[in-house]
Amino acid sequence: MISDFDNETVMVSPTWSASGDEVFASRFRPDLNNYELGRFALNGKAERLAPIKPSPDAPRGT
């Protein structure tokens, strides 16, 4: 298990980092009908690398 998201979270396109200590994957957000890219370290730390905007005119947040 690489994240503590609920069982309904859809993670797609997982790939290992070159060093082998992180997994990159996209998470589908059904409430926004879009994907965001995340990095998941084997130690349990997760980071959103490309969060999605809540609306088309909203600034991109982190």
Protein backbone atom coordinates (compact mmCIF):
# COMPACT_ATOMS: atom_id res chain seq x y z
CA MET A 1 0.00 0.00 0.00
CA ILE A 2 1.49 3.32 -1.04
CA SER A 3 -1.12 5.74 0.28
CA ASP A 4 -3.80 6.13 2.91
CA PHE A 5 -6.52 7.12 0.43
CA ASP A 6 -9.83 5.33 0.80
CA ASN A 7 -10.58 2.19 -1.20
CA GLU A 8 -12.59 4.19 -3.74
CA THR A 9 -9.59 6.25 -4.90
CA VAL A 10 -8.52 5.35 -8.43
CA MET A 11 -4.75 5.44 -8.96
CA VAL A 12 -3.49 5.03 -12.55
CA SER A 13 -0.22 4.88 -14.49
CA PRO A 14 2.10 3.96 -11.59
CA THR A 15 5.82 4.02 -12.32
CA TRP A 16 8.90 3.56 -10.12
CA SER A 17 11.53 6.27 -9.74
CA ALA A 18 15.01 5.53 -11.10
CA SER A 19 16.28 5.11 -7.54
CA GLY A 20 13.50 2.63 -6.72
CA ASP A 21 12.42 4.36 -3.51
CA GLU A 22 9.37 6.26 -4.85
CA VAL A 23 6.32 5.56 -6.99
CA PHE A 24 4.71 8.18 -9.20
CA ALA A 25 1.01 7.77 -9.97
CA SER A 26 -1.98 9.79 -11.12
CA ARG A 27 -5.03 9.96 -8.87
CA PHE A 28 -8.47 10.37 -10.40
CA ARG A 29 -10.66 12.96 -8.65
CA PRO A 30 -14.29 12.14 -9.57
CA ASP A 31 -15.59 15.29 -7.87
CA LEU A 32 -13.53 17.38 -10.32
CA ASN A 33 -13.54 14.86 -13.20
CA ASN A 34 -9.76 15.18 -13.54
CA TYR A 35 -6.40 13.66 -12.52
CA GLU A 36 -3.55 14.90 -10.32
CA LEU A 37 0.02 13.57 -10.25
CA GLY A 38 1.54 12.43 -6.99
CA ARG A 39 4.83 11.05 -5.68
CA PHE A 40 4.68 8.35 -3.01
CA ALA A 41 7.82 7.45 -1.08
CA LEU A 42 8.21 4.01 0.42
CA ASN A 43 8.45 5.59 3.87
CA GLY A 44 4.80 6.71 3.55
CA LYS A 45 5.37 10.34 2.59
CA ALA A 46 3.12 11.55 -0.25
CA GLU A 47 3.39 14.76 -2.26
CA ARG A 48 1.13 16.21 -4.94
CA LEU A 49 3.31 17.25 -7.86
CA ALA A 50 0.61 18.51 -10.20
CA PRO A 51 -2.58 19.29 -8.31
CA ILE A 52 -5.64 20.09 -10.37
CA LYS A 53 -7.56 23.33 -10.27
CA PRO A 54 -11.04 23.25 -8.68
CA SER A 55 -12.38 25.30 -11.62
CA PRO A 56 -10.96 26.39 -14.99
CA ASP A 57 -10.48 30.01 -13.87
CA ALA A 58 -8.92 29.22 -10.47
CA PRO A 59 -5.15 29.67 -9.96
CA ARG A 60 -3.15 26.44 -9.72
CA GLY A 61 -2.46 25.65 -6.07
CA THR A 62 0.00 23.34 -4.33
